C-alpha atoms as a PDB file:
ATOM      1  CA  MET A   1     142.095  82.682  75.521  1.00  0.00           C
ATOM      2  CA  THR A   2     142.233  82.465  79.338  1.00  0.00           C
ATOM      3  CA  VAL A   3     139.288  82.327  81.099  1.00  0.00           C
ATOM      4  CA  GLY A   4     139.781  84.490  84.247  1.00  0.00           C
ATOM      5  CA  LEU A   5     137.902  82.182  87.730  1.00  0.00           C
ATOM      6  CA  ALA A   6     135.856  85.982  88.429  1.00  0.00           C
ATOM      7  CA  SER A   7     134.252  85.544  84.823  1.00  0.00           C
ATOM      8  CA  VAL A   8     133.149  81.708  85.293  1.00  0.00           C
ATOM      9  CA  ALA A   9     130.560  83.412  88.736  1.00  0.00           C
ATOM     10  CA  SER A  10     127.369  83.613  88.087  1.00  0.00           C
ATOM     11  CA  PRO A  11     126.460  87.286  89.138  1.00  0.00           C
ATOM     12  CA  GLU A  12     123.590  86.009  91.489  1.00  0.00           C
ATOM     13  CA  SER A  13     127.004  83.763  92.833  1.00  0.00           C
ATOM     14  CA  ARG A  14     128.052  87.065  93.630  1.00  0.00           C
ATOM     15  CA  ARG A  15     125.515  89.566  94.758  1.00  0.00           C
ATOM     16  CA  ARG A  16     126.306  86.699  97.712  1.00  0.00           C
ATOM     17  CA  CYS A  17     129.393  86.910  97.810  1.00  0.00           C
ATOM     18  CA  HIS A  18     128.843  90.859  98.519  1.00  0.00           C
ATOM     19  CA  ASP A  19     125.725  91.209 100.297  1.00  0.00           C
ATOM     20  CA  ARG A  20     125.816  88.412 103.071  1.00  0.00           C
ATOM     21  CA  ARG A  21     122.504  90.165 104.727  1.00  0.00           C
ATOM     22  CA  GLU A  22     119.390  88.031 105.577  1.00  0.00           C
ATOM     23  CA  PRO A  23     116.010  90.258 104.104  1.00  0.00           C
ATOM     24  CA  GLY A  24     114.054  91.650 106.565  1.00  0.00           C
ATOM     25  CA  ARG A  25     117.432  92.712 108.357  1.00  0.00           C
ATOM     26  CA  GLY A  26     118.904  95.818 109.031  1.00  0.00           C
ATOM     27  CA  PRO A  27     121.420  97.524 111.617  1.00  0.00           C
ATOM     28  CA  HIS A  28     120.500  98.061 115.373  1.00  0.00           C
ATOM     29  CA  LYS A  29     122.213 100.161 117.189  1.00  0.00           C
ATOM     30  CA  PHE A  30     122.715  98.130 120.560  1.00  0.00           C
ATOM     31  CA  GLY A  31     124.408  95.782 117.843  1.00  0.00           C
ATOM     32  CA  ASP A  32     121.651  92.644 117.864  1.00  0.00           C
ATOM     33  CA  THR A  33     120.210  93.525 114.076  1.00  0.00           C
ATOM     34  CA  ALA A  34     117.343  94.787 113.343  1.00  0.00           C
ATOM     35  CA  LEU A  35     114.426  92.630 112.459  1.00  0.00           C
ATOM     36  CA  LYS A  36     111.134  93.035 110.299  1.00  0.00           C
ATOM     37  CA  ILE A  37     107.797  91.180 111.116  1.00  0.00           C
ATOM     38  CA  TYR A  38     104.626  91.191 109.269  1.00  0.00           C
ATOM     39  CA  VAL A  39     101.868  90.905 110.553  1.00  0.00           C
ATOM     40  CA  GLY A  40      98.864  90.194 108.200  1.00  0.00           C
ATOM     41  CA  ASN A  41      94.859  89.904 109.171  1.00  0.00           C
ATOM     42  CA  LEU A  42      94.174  92.684 111.205  1.00  0.00           C
ATOM     43  CA  SER A  43      91.340  95.272 111.453  1.00  0.00           C
ATOM     44  CA  PHE A  44      90.880  98.138 109.807  1.00  0.00           C
ATOM     45  CA  ASP A  45      90.429  99.587 112.978  1.00  0.00           C
ATOM     46  CA  THR A  46      93.431  98.907 114.382  1.00  0.00           C
ATOM     47  CA  ASN A  47      95.627 101.100 114.571  1.00  0.00           C
ATOM     48  CA  GLU A  48      99.691 101.741 114.708  1.00  0.00           C
ATOM     49  CA  ASP A  49      99.846 102.658 118.401  1.00  0.00           C
ATOM     50  CA  SER A  50      96.972  99.962 119.159  1.00  0.00           C
ATOM     51  CA  LEU A  51      99.383  98.119 117.690  1.00  0.00           C
ATOM     52  CA  ARG A  52     102.857  99.434 118.275  1.00  0.00           C
ATOM     53  CA  ASN A  53     102.021  98.896 122.332  1.00  0.00           C
ATOM     54  CA  ALA A  54     100.913  95.110 121.630  1.00  0.00           C
ATOM     55  CA  PHE A  55     104.419  94.431 120.332  1.00  0.00           C
ATOM     56  CA  ALA A  56     106.003  96.986 123.361  1.00  0.00           C
ATOM     57  CA  GLU A  57     105.056  94.369 125.951  1.00  0.00           C
ATOM     58  CA  HIS A  58     107.987  91.526 123.804  1.00  0.00           C
ATOM     59  CA  GLY A  59     110.782  94.494 123.340  1.00  0.00           C
ATOM     60  CA  ASP A  60     111.320  98.088 122.200  1.00  0.00           C
ATOM     61  CA  VAL A  61     109.667  99.051 118.544  1.00  0.00           C
ATOM     62  CA  GLU A  62     111.604 100.515 116.400  1.00  0.00           C
ATOM     63  CA  GLU A  63     109.318 101.083 113.712  1.00  0.00           C
ATOM     64  CA  VAL A  64     105.580 100.536 113.058  1.00  0.00           C
ATOM     65  CA  ALA A  65     103.710 101.082 109.982  1.00  0.00           C
ATOM     66  CA  VAL A  66     100.079 100.091 108.410  1.00  0.00           C
ATOM     67  CA  ILE A  67     100.259 100.096 104.872  1.00  0.00           C
ATOM     68  CA  THR A  68      97.573 102.211 103.711  1.00  0.00           C
ATOM     69  CA  ASP A  69      95.547 101.993  99.501  1.00  0.00           C
ATOM     70  CA  ARG A  70      97.460 105.114  97.886  1.00  0.00           C
ATOM     71  CA  ASP A  71      94.468 106.260  96.490  1.00  0.00           C
ATOM     72  CA  THR A  72      91.632 105.632  99.275  1.00  0.00           C
ATOM     73  CA  GLY A  73      93.689 106.068 102.182  1.00  0.00           C
ATOM     74  CA  ARG A  74      92.349 103.088 104.234  1.00  0.00           C
ATOM     75  CA  PRO A  75      94.581 100.421 105.636  1.00  0.00           C
ATOM     76  CA  ARG A  76      95.109  97.589 104.026  1.00  0.00           C
ATOM     77  CA  GLY A  77      94.787  94.677 106.674  1.00  0.00           C
ATOM     78  CA  PHE A  78      98.509  94.318 107.601  1.00  0.00           C
ATOM     79  CA  ALA A  79     101.518  96.755 108.567  1.00  0.00           C
ATOM     80  CA  PHE A  80     105.738  95.704 109.134  1.00  0.00           C
ATOM     81  CA  VAL A  81     107.101  96.294 113.600  1.00  0.00           C
ATOM     82  CA  THR A  82     110.229  96.493 113.074  1.00  0.00           C
ATOM     83  CA  MET A  83     112.298  95.212 116.860  1.00  0.00           C
ATOM     84  CA  SER A  84     115.945  94.712 117.969  1.00  0.00           C
ATOM     85  CA  ASP A  85     116.549  90.239 116.656  1.00  0.00           C
ATOM     86  CA  SER A  86     115.391  88.464 120.032  1.00  0.00           C
ATOM     87  CA  ALA A  87     112.775  90.932 120.524  1.00  0.00           C
ATOM     88  CA  ALA A  88     111.077  90.866 117.262  1.00  0.00           C
ATOM     89  CA  ARG A  89     110.945  86.150 117.357  1.00  0.00           C
ATOM     90  CA  THR A  90     109.336  86.851 120.969  1.00  0.00           C
ATOM     91  CA  ALA A  91     106.552  89.197 119.971  1.00  0.00           C
ATOM     92  CA  ILE A  92     106.565  86.998 116.330  1.00  0.00           C
ATOM     93  CA  ASP A  93     106.428  83.404 118.766  1.00  0.00           C
ATOM     94  CA  SER A  94     103.930  85.282 121.171  1.00  0.00           C
ATOM     95  CA  LEU A  95     101.907  87.355 118.943  1.00  0.00           C
ATOM     96  CA  ASN A  96     100.578  84.352 115.705  1.00  0.00           C
ATOM     97  CA  GLY A  97      97.094  83.367 116.061  1.00  0.00           C
ATOM     98  CA  LYS A  98      96.455  86.523 118.808  1.00  0.00           C
ATOM     99  CA  GLU A  99      93.596  87.921 118.726  1.00  0.00           C
ATOM    100  CA  LEU A 100      93.812  92.429 118.499  1.00  0.00           C
ATOM    101  CA  ASP A 101      91.059  94.256 117.557  1.00  0.00           C
ATOM    102  CA  GLY A 102      88.494  92.074 117.432  1.00  0.00           C
ATOM    103  CA  ARG A 103      91.218  89.572 114.586  1.00  0.00           C
ATOM    104  CA  THR A 104      93.431  86.766 115.040  1.00  0.00           C
ATOM    105  CA  LEU A 105      96.345  87.911 114.052  1.00  0.00           C
ATOM    106  CA  ASN A 106      98.687  86.080 110.999  1.00  0.00           C
ATOM    107  CA  VAL A 107     103.039  87.073 112.571  1.00  0.00           C
ATOM    108  CA  ASN A 108     105.805  85.997 110.552  1.00  0.00           C
ATOM    109  CA  GLU A 109     108.889  87.349 109.854  1.00  0.00           C
ATOM    110  CA  ALA A 110     109.605  89.608 106.567  1.00  0.00           C
ATOM    111  CA  LYS A 111     109.582  88.324 102.823  1.00  0.00           C
ATOM    112  CA  ALA A 112     112.556  89.979 100.788  1.00  0.00           C
ATOM    113  CA  LYS A 113     110.472  92.572  98.849  1.00  0.00           C
ATOM    114  CA  THR A 114     110.436  90.407  94.831  1.00  0.00           C
ATOM    115  CA  ASP A 115     110.552  92.495  91.535  1.00  0.00           C
ATOM    116  CA  ARG A 116     106.282  91.761  90.343  1.00  0.00           C
ATOM    117  CA  GLY A 117     107.431  93.583  87.386  1.00  0.00           C
ATOM    118  CA  GLY A 118     106.441  97.576  85.732  1.00  0.00           C
ATOM    119  CA  GLY A 119     103.199  99.096  86.533  1.00  0.00           C
ATOM    120  CA  GLY A 120     101.663  98.522  82.948  1.00  0.00           C
ATOM    121  CA  GLY A 121     100.565 101.362  81.503  1.00  0.00           C
ATOM    122  CA  GLN A 122     100.020 102.892  78.683  1.00  0.00           C
ATOM    123  CA  ARG A 123     102.076 102.511  75.392  1.00  0.00           C
ATOM    124  CA  ARG A 124     103.036 105.629  73.075  1.00  0.00           C
ATOM    125  CA  GLY A 125     103.770 106.351  69.865  1.00  0.00           C
ATOM    126  CA  SER A 126     103.275 104.368  66.610  1.00  0.00           C
ATOM    127  CA  TRP A 127     103.478 100.485  67.033  1.00  0.00           C
END
């Protein structure tokens, strides 16, 4: 039996060959790629508009998502901002460690979401 080269490559290496994009990046309308930025240590009083205004000083803001608790609807203290790559890097350098609404911001490039497993719901049926 002959083993072809395609069968030797692991599923992980095949995935890397087909998906060359880096985490947090997507197509941008001007040819530059979009970069998703993680913004942590937010005040619970910080809203989408104040965050957008802070980042808009460094370039066009495509999207702002303040993350809220699904049960209470209260902010969880972090957000994601999407900007063009060059504007995002300038914003990261300028805003990391700066104060907004009384809190020192933690600003960096967002990491890809990892699979954390299932929800762990209750099993039904017989054991």
